[in-house]
């Protein structure tokens, strides 16, 4: 009986594969066995000059143009970077698509990467049986284009950029609103237990008996710092409560003897300016950075 069930399941799988409606292979896009378009790029080529073109079978000008772009977010409340693709249709419709993330394991940690993909990767993600087919042998399918634009797979660039601006404006509004504490007391850092997803170290920042923030440090070939501020009670961004918000990050800072006694510039997440600080050892500069923020009145 088990052998029969396994054989039946195998037949179903083979039948499903045979019934695959959209097939992308060797520069051609076929729907129900009919070639409806060709695309510029074979064998995993990256985008040429940032563009990738899809042309209807028998046509000379592209029906769909993919234009790659990258949006880099300094604010750690958002993904570090979004590789997105503008999908421009010959009928004037425009929408955006964010490539599916790649999940990898590194030194026992699971890392989700949103990195650049090849043109063929994007074609595969946009033309398959799970996505409304943009094209037919007769031309563009306006109904399916509209369905894709309304689906969760469409990247709403305008909405996301508005969310980023609202978040940065909200953080900027509390830069000078600090935790009430005795500033004559020493500032202490307390290392927090690591989780499996942490690639660096988190410290709680205390002054006296009050928590005033957190600091994140990741040391490798270079050093990265993030400083998070304790917010006033009930602080919200949109519909979400935030006990801490990032107020400053640094880029990749050089560590070692070549970095001794140098002046560095931290990047304000809210985009309201920058702050310079000095440190004799950038691999252990968290106290110098925190003292600079306290002196500036932002922590």
Protein backbone atom coordinates (compact mmCIF):
# COMPACT_ATOMS: atom_id res chain seq x y z
CA UNK A 1 0.00 0.00 0.00
CA UNK A 2 2.85 2.42 0.89
CA UNK A 3 4.52 1.75 -2.46
CA UNK A 4 1.27 2.59 -4.25
CA UNK A 5 0.89 5.85 -2.32
CA UNK A 6 4.47 6.91 -3.06
CA UNK A 7 4.00 6.10 -6.75
CA UNK A 8 0.73 8.07 -6.83
CA UNK A 9 2.40 11.09 -5.16
CA UNK A 10 5.22 10.92 -7.70
CA UNK A 11 2.73 10.91 -10.55
CA UNK A 12 0.98 13.96 -9.10
CA UNK A 13 4.29 15.81 -8.79
CA UNK A 14 5.23 14.95 -12.38
CA UNK A 15 1.78 16.05 -13.56
CA UNK A 16 2.08 19.37 -11.74
CA UNK A 17 5.49 19.97 -13.28
CA UNK A 18 4.14 19.19 -16.72
CA UNK A 19 1.28 21.66 -16.21
CA UNK A 20 3.54 24.58 -15.28
CA UNK A 21 1.99 27.52 -17.10
CA UNK A 22 4.86 30.05 -17.14
CA UNK A 23 8.32 28.91 -18.17
CA UNK A 24 11.39 31.17 -18.25
CA UNK A 25 14.43 29.73 -19.97
CA UNK A 26 17.32 30.83 -22.18
CA UNK A 27 16.09 34.36 -22.83
CA UNK A 28 12.49 33.35 -23.58
CA UNK A 29 9.24 33.61 -21.62
CA UNK A 30 6.58 31.05 -22.51
CA UNK A 31 2.98 30.91 -21.31
CA UNK A 32 1.11 27.66 -21.87
CA UNK A 33 3.89 26.56 -24.21
CA UNK A 34 3.67 29.68 -26.39
CA UNK A 35 6.60 32.11 -26.56
CA UNK A 36 5.19 35.50 -25.61
CA UNK A 37 8.39 37.49 -25.01
CA UNK A 38 12.17 37.55 -24.98
CA UNK A 39 14.39 39.22 -22.39
CA UNK A 40 17.83 40.75 -22.65
CA UNK A 41 20.19 38.60 -20.66
CA UNK A 42 21.21 34.96 -20.50
CA UNK A 43 23.21 32.80 -18.15
CA UNK A 44 22.83 34.96 -15.04
CA UNK A 45 24.09 38.26 -16.46
CA UNK A 46 23.71 41.26 -14.17
CA UNK A 47 21.70 44.27 -15.26
CA UNK A 48 23.39 46.14 -18.09
CA UNK A 49 23.76 49.79 -17.19
CA UNK A 50 21.10 49.22 -14.57
CA UNK A 51 18.39 48.12 -17.05
CA UNK A 52 16.80 44.91 -18.26
CA UNK A 53 14.34 44.81 -21.17
CA UNK A 54 11.49 42.43 -22.00
CA UNK A 55 10.22 42.50 -25.57
CA UNK A 56 7.04 40.90 -26.89
CA UNK A 57 7.56 38.14 -29.42
CA UNK A 58 7.90 39.67 -32.88
CA UNK A 59 8.22 43.26 -31.57
CA UNK A 60 11.27 45.52 -31.80
CA UNK A 61 10.80 47.83 -28.80
CA UNK A 62 10.53 46.69 -25.17
CA UNK A 63 7.14 46.24 -23.54
CA UNK A 64 8.65 46.19 -20.03
CA UNK A 65 11.81 47.87 -18.75
CA UNK A 66 13.31 47.00 -15.36
CA UNK A 67 15.48 49.71 -13.79
CA UNK A 68 17.43 48.76 -10.69
CA UNK A 69 17.90 51.11 -7.74
CA UNK A 70 19.09 50.90 -4.14
CA UNK A 71 17.66 52.77 -1.16
CA UNK A 72 20.02 52.89 1.80
CA UNK A 73 18.46 53.50 5.21
CA UNK A 74 20.75 54.84 7.94
CA UNK A 75 18.01 54.29 10.53
CA UNK A 76 18.39 50.77 12.01
CA UNK A 77 14.62 50.66 12.59
CA UNK A 78 14.48 49.86 8.87
CA UNK A 79 16.31 47.29 6.74
CA UNK A 80 19.79 48.57 5.97
CA UNK A 81 19.23 48.67 2.23
CA UNK A 82 16.52 47.86 -0.26
CA UNK A 83 17.47 46.75 -3.74
CA UNK A 84 14.34 47.63 -5.70
CA UNK A 85 13.39 47.55 -9.34
CA UNK A 86 11.22 50.02 -11.19
CA UNK A 87 8.92 48.16 -13.56
CA UNK A 88 7.97 50.47 -16.39
CA UNK A 89 5.37 49.27 -18.89
CA UNK A 90 5.03 50.59 -22.43
CA UNK A 91 1.42 51.59 -21.69
CA UNK A 92 2.63 54.12 -19.09
CA UNK A 93 2.04 52.04 -15.95
CA UNK A 94 4.84 52.08 -13.37
CA UNK A 95 5.34 50.09 -10.17
CA UNK A 96 8.20 48.86 -8.00
CA UNK A 97 9.38 45.45 -6.88
CA UNK A 98 11.73 44.44 -4.07
CA UNK A 99 13.73 41.30 -4.72
CA UNK A 100 13.06 38.38 -2.39
CA UNK A 101 15.61 38.15 0.46
CA UNK A 102 18.33 35.53 0.58
CA UNK A 103 18.73 33.60 3.85
CA UNK A 104 22.21 32.34 4.72
CA UNK A 105 23.94 30.88 7.73
CA UNK A 106 27.21 32.40 8.95
CA UNK A 107 29.09 31.09 11.98
CA UNK A 108 25.90 29.59 13.37
CA UNK A 109 23.86 32.76 12.80
CA UNK A 110 20.97 33.07 10.37
CA UNK A 111 21.41 36.16 8.21
CA UNK A 112 18.71 37.57 5.95
CA UNK A 113 20.28 39.50 3.10
CA UNK A 114 18.56 41.95 0.78
CA UNK A 115 21.28 42.26 -1.82
CA UNK A 116 21.59 42.88 -5.54
CA UNK A 117 20.46 40.05 -7.78
CA UNK A 118 21.09 39.21 -11.40
CA UNK A 119 18.64 40.13 -14.10
CA UNK A 120 17.72 36.48 -14.59
CA UNK A 121 16.88 36.20 -10.88
CA UNK A 122 14.42 39.07 -11.14
CA UNK A 123 12.85 37.66 -14.30
CA UNK A 124 12.31 34.34 -12.48
CA UNK A 125 10.72 36.12 -9.50
CA UNK A 126 8.36 38.17 -11.68
CA UNK A 127 7.38 35.54 -14.25
CA UNK A 128 6.11 32.36 -12.65
CA UNK A 129 2.88 30.57 -11.84
CA UNK A 130 2.43 32.46 -8.54
CA UNK A 131 2.51 35.93 -10.14
CA UNK A 132 -0.11 37.51 -12.43
CA UNK A 133 1.22 37.23 -15.99
CA UNK A 134 2.01 40.72 -17.30
CA UNK A 135 2.02 39.72 -20.96
CA UNK A 136 0.16 37.59 -23.48
CA UNK A 137 0.79 36.95 -27.15
CA UNK A 138 -1.50 39.92 -27.84
CA UNK A 139 0.39 42.37 -25.63
CA UNK A 140 0.36 43.71 -22.08
CA UNK A 141 -2.31 42.41 -19.71
CA UNK A 142 -3.59 45.59 -18.01
CA UNK A 143 -5.80 43.66 -15.58
CA UNK A 144 -2.90 41.55 -14.28
CA UNK A 145 -0.63 44.59 -14.07
CA UNK A 146 -3.24 46.30 -11.87
CA UNK A 147 -3.55 43.13 -9.75
CA UNK A 148 0.22 43.02 -9.19
CA UNK A 149 0.35 46.73 -8.24
CA UNK A 150 -2.36 46.10 -5.63
CA UNK A 151 -0.69 42.96 -4.24
CA UNK A 152 1.74 42.73 -1.28
CA UNK A 153 4.54 41.87 -3.72
CA UNK A 154 4.44 45.38 -5.16
CA UNK A 155 6.88 47.71 -3.34
CA UNK A 156 5.07 50.90 -2.32
CA UNK A 157 8.06 53.21 -2.57
CA UNK A 158 6.14 56.42 -1.82
CA UNK A 159 4.53 54.95 1.32
CA UNK A 160 7.83 53.57 2.64
CA UNK A 161 9.71 56.83 2.08
CA UNK A 162 6.93 58.70 3.89
CA UNK A 163 7.23 56.25 6.82
CA UNK A 164 10.99 56.85 6.97
CA UNK A 165 10.51 60.63 7.05
CA UNK A 166 7.81 60.41 9.74
CA UNK A 167 10.07 58.18 11.84
CA UNK A 168 13.06 60.51 11.53
CA UNK A 169 10.89 63.56 12.34
CA UNK A 170 9.51 61.79 15.44
CA UNK A 171 13.01 60.90 16.67
CA UNK A 172 14.24 64.45 15.99
CA UNK A 173 11.40 65.80 18.13
CA UNK A 174 12.81 64.13 21.27
CA UNK A 175 16.53 64.63 20.71
CA UNK A 176 16.68 67.21 23.49
CA UNK A 177 14.09 65.50 25.75
CA UNK A 178 16.30 63.60 28.18
CA UNK A 179 15.71 61.23 31.09
CA UNK A 180 15.53 63.18 34.36
CA UNK A 181 18.52 62.02 36.42
CA UNK A 182 21.38 63.19 38.61
CA UNK A 183 24.04 64.24 36.10
CA UNK A 184 26.67 64.41 38.80
CA UNK A 185 26.58 60.61 39.02
CA UNK A 186 28.94 58.49 36.90
CA UNK A 187 27.79 56.91 33.63
CA UNK A 188 28.04 53.11 33.59
CA UNK A 189 27.73 50.51 30.85
CA UNK A 190 26.32 47.04 31.50
CA UNK A 191 26.96 44.29 28.93
CA UNK A 192 23.79 42.39 28.02
CA UNK A 193 23.53 38.65 27.27
CA UNK A 194 23.87 37.82 23.59
CA UNK A 195 21.17 36.20 21.50
CA UNK A 196 21.78 33.90 18.53
CA UNK A 197 21.01 36.71 16.08
CA UNK A 198 23.41 39.24 17.64
CA UNK A 199 26.59 39.83 15.64
CA UNK A 200 27.81 42.44 18.13
CA UNK A 201 27.42 43.48 21.78
CA UNK A 202 24.62 45.46 23.44
CA UNK A 203 25.20 47.60 26.55
CA UNK A 204 22.65 49.36 28.75
CA UNK A 205 23.67 52.95 29.60
CA UNK A 206 22.95 53.99 33.19
CA UNK A 207 23.58 57.27 34.97
CA UNK A 208 23.02 56.86 38.67
CA UNK A 209 19.97 54.63 39.01
CA UNK A 210 18.38 55.67 35.70
CA UNK A 211 18.57 53.94 32.32
CA UNK A 212 19.26 56.62 29.70
CA UNK A 213 19.94 54.48 26.63
CA UNK A 214 21.64 51.55 24.96
CA UNK A 215 24.71 51.22 22.77
CA UNK A 216 25.50 48.57 20.17
CA UNK A 217 29.06 47.75 19.10
CA UNK A 218 30.28 45.37 16.43
CA UNK A 219 34.02 44.87 16.02
CA UNK A 220 35.62 43.12 13.07
CA UNK A 221 37.94 44.50 10.42
CA UNK A 222 36.21 47.77 11.26
CA UNK A 223 33.97 49.02 14.07
CA UNK A 224 30.31 50.07 13.98
CA UNK A 225 28.43 51.82 16.80
CA UNK A 226 24.76 52.60 17.34
CA UNK A 227 23.44 54.70 20.21
CA UNK A 228 19.79 54.30 21.22
CA UNK A 229 18.05 56.77 23.51
CA UNK A 230 15.51 56.00 26.26
CA UNK A 231 12.28 57.66 25.21
CA UNK A 232 9.66 59.45 27.31
CA UNK A 233 6.87 57.23 28.62
CA UNK A 234 4.25 56.48 25.96
CA UNK A 235 6.41 57.56 23.02
CA UNK A 236 5.00 56.18 19.77
CA UNK A 237 5.94 56.24 16.12
CA UNK A 238 2.84 55.55 14.09
CA UNK A 239 1.00 52.77 15.90
CA UNK A 240 4.04 51.26 17.64
CA UNK A 241 5.47 52.01 21.09
CA UNK A 242 9.23 52.53 21.27
CA UNK A 243 11.11 52.32 24.57
CA UNK A 244 14.38 53.15 22.79
CA UNK A 245 15.08 54.86 19.46
CA UNK A 246 18.34 55.18 17.52
CA UNK A 247 19.77 58.69 17.64
CA UNK A 248 23.19 58.11 16.17
CA UNK A 249 25.15 55.60 14.14
CA UNK A 250 28.69 55.56 12.83
CA UNK A 251 29.95 54.20 9.56
CA UNK A 252 32.67 51.56 9.41
CA UNK A 253 35.41 53.03 11.59
CA UNK A 254 38.99 51.87 11.32
CA UNK A 255 40.39 50.15 14.41
CA UNK A 256 43.95 49.44 15.52
CA UNK A 257 47.04 51.61 15.80
CA UNK A 258 46.24 53.50 12.59
CA UNK A 259 43.08 54.86 14.20
CA UNK A 260 44.66 56.30 17.34
CA UNK A 261 43.66 59.82 18.43
CA UNK A 262 41.61 60.56 15.34
CA UNK A 263 38.49 62.67 15.07
CA UNK A 264 35.43 60.84 13.79
CA UNK A 265 32.02 61.92 12.65
CA UNK A 266 28.85 60.21 13.79
CA UNK A 267 25.77 60.23 11.59
CA UNK A 268 22.50 61.41 13.08
CA UNK A 269 19.72 59.03 12.17
CA UNK A 270 17.10 61.83 12.22
CA UNK A 271 19.18 63.69 9.64
CA UNK A 272 19.50 66.81 11.79
CA UNK A 273 23.27 67.13 11.68
CA UNK A 274 26.45 65.34 12.63
CA UNK A 275 28.58 65.14 15.75
CA UNK A 276 32.34 64.83 15.91
CA UNK A 277 34.09 62.90 18.64
CA UNK A 278 37.63 61.75 19.35
CA UNK A 279 38.91 58.50 20.77
CA UNK A 280 42.30 56.93 21.37
CA UNK A 281 40.94 53.48 20.53
CA UNK A 282 38.03 53.14 18.12
CA UNK A 283 37.54 49.50 19.11
CA UNK A 284 36.62 50.74 22.60
CA UNK A 285 35.17 54.15 21.85
CA UNK A 286 31.68 53.64 23.28
CA UNK A 287 32.33 55.82 26.34
CA UNK A 288 33.84 58.63 24.25
CA UNK A 289 30.83 58.53 21.94
CA UNK A 290 28.33 58.53 24.83
CA UNK A 291 30.16 61.40 26.59
CA UNK A 292 30.04 63.43 23.37
CA UNK A 293 26.28 62.88 23.10
CA UNK A 294 25.73 63.82 26.75
CA UNK A 295 27.82 66.95 26.34
CA UNK A 296 25.79 67.83 23.23
CA UNK A 297 22.55 67.46 25.21
CA UNK A 298 21.19 64.63 23.09
CA UNK A 299 21.44 61.88 25.71
